[in-house]
């Protein structure tokens, strides 16, 4: 039986950083790589394709750092208040 892939829908997913990263909040995953038991995502800023970095995909599950989808500042404030 084939081993289940971690984070199968990673590439193409969109994320909002809770704090600015190199001046931007909205990112998209354009690539992934597996290194041993770790999965890494290559993040690219939505408004500046020159801003890119690799991130351990497990960090995307941390709601204090990242939110799935592209959120407005107002939406992020509502999420942090638990409304």
Protein backbone atom coordinates (compact mmCIF):
# COMPACT_ATOMS: atom_id res chain seq x y z
CA UNK A 1 0.00 0.00 0.00
CA UNK A 2 1.32 3.47 -0.87
CA UNK A 3 2.35 5.69 2.02
CA UNK A 4 -0.06 8.55 2.67
CA UNK A 5 1.44 11.90 1.58
CA UNK A 6 1.62 14.61 4.23
CA UNK A 7 0.04 17.92 3.18
CA UNK A 8 -1.34 16.61 -0.15
CA UNK A 9 -2.94 19.95 -1.16
CA UNK A 10 0.03 22.14 -0.25
CA UNK A 11 1.07 23.39 -3.71
CA UNK A 12 -1.25 26.15 -4.88
CA UNK A 13 -2.64 26.84 -1.42
CA UNK A 14 -2.91 30.46 -0.23
CA UNK A 15 -1.94 31.74 3.21
CA UNK A 16 -2.05 34.94 5.23
CA UNK A 17 0.76 35.67 7.68
CA UNK A 18 -0.33 37.10 11.03
CA UNK A 19 2.68 39.45 10.86
CA UNK A 20 4.34 40.99 7.81
CA UNK A 21 7.04 38.89 6.21
CA UNK A 22 9.39 41.09 4.16
CA UNK A 23 6.58 43.66 4.02
CA UNK A 24 3.84 41.28 2.83
CA UNK A 25 1.07 39.18 4.39
CA UNK A 26 -0.40 37.18 1.48
CA UNK A 27 1.53 34.19 0.16
CA UNK A 28 1.00 31.21 -2.11
CA UNK A 29 2.79 27.86 -1.99
CA UNK A 30 4.50 27.28 -5.34
CA UNK A 31 6.64 24.25 -4.53
CA UNK A 32 7.15 21.55 -1.93
CA UNK A 33 9.99 19.26 -0.95
CA UNK A 34 10.30 16.32 1.38
CA UNK A 35 13.41 15.98 3.52
CA UNK A 36 13.22 12.91 5.69
CA UNK A 37 10.15 13.23 7.87
CA UNK A 38 9.81 16.97 7.18
CA UNK A 39 7.80 18.68 4.44
CA UNK A 40 8.81 22.16 3.29
CA UNK A 41 6.76 24.69 1.35
CA UNK A 42 8.19 27.39 -0.91
CA UNK A 43 6.18 30.52 -0.18
CA UNK A 44 5.92 33.42 -2.66
CA UNK A 45 4.38 36.80 -1.86
CA UNK A 46 1.22 37.39 -3.88
CA UNK A 47 2.19 40.96 -4.81
CA UNK A 48 5.96 40.50 -5.24
CA UNK A 49 7.24 37.26 -6.82
CA UNK A 50 10.79 38.22 -5.78
CA UNK A 51 9.85 37.67 -2.12
CA UNK A 52 10.13 33.92 -1.59
CA UNK A 53 11.30 31.60 1.15
CA UNK A 54 11.11 27.99 2.30
CA UNK A 55 9.09 27.15 5.40
CA UNK A 56 8.47 23.96 7.36
CA UNK A 57 4.89 23.16 6.31
CA UNK A 58 4.03 22.15 9.88
CA UNK A 59 4.26 25.85 10.82
CA UNK A 60 1.28 26.59 8.57
CA UNK A 61 -0.89 24.75 11.10
CA UNK A 62 0.01 27.32 13.78
CA UNK A 63 -2.92 29.75 13.85
CA UNK A 64 -0.82 32.33 15.70
CA UNK A 65 1.47 32.59 12.65
CA UNK A 66 -0.64 31.67 9.60
CA UNK A 67 -4.26 31.58 8.44
CA UNK A 68 -5.45 29.52 5.48
CA UNK A 69 -6.61 31.60 2.52
CA UNK A 70 -6.08 35.29 1.94
CA UNK A 71 -7.65 37.18 4.84
CA UNK A 72 -8.24 40.92 5.09
CA UNK A 73 -6.95 42.74 8.18
CA UNK A 74 -10.55 43.02 9.39
CA UNK A 75 -11.12 39.28 9.00
CA UNK A 76 -7.89 38.55 10.86
CA UNK A 77 -8.91 40.81 13.74
CA UNK A 78 -12.26 39.03 14.00
CA UNK A 79 -10.50 35.64 14.01
CA UNK A 80 -8.13 36.73 16.77
CA UNK A 81 -11.08 37.91 18.90
CA UNK A 82 -12.82 34.58 18.39
CA UNK A 83 -15.95 36.07 16.85
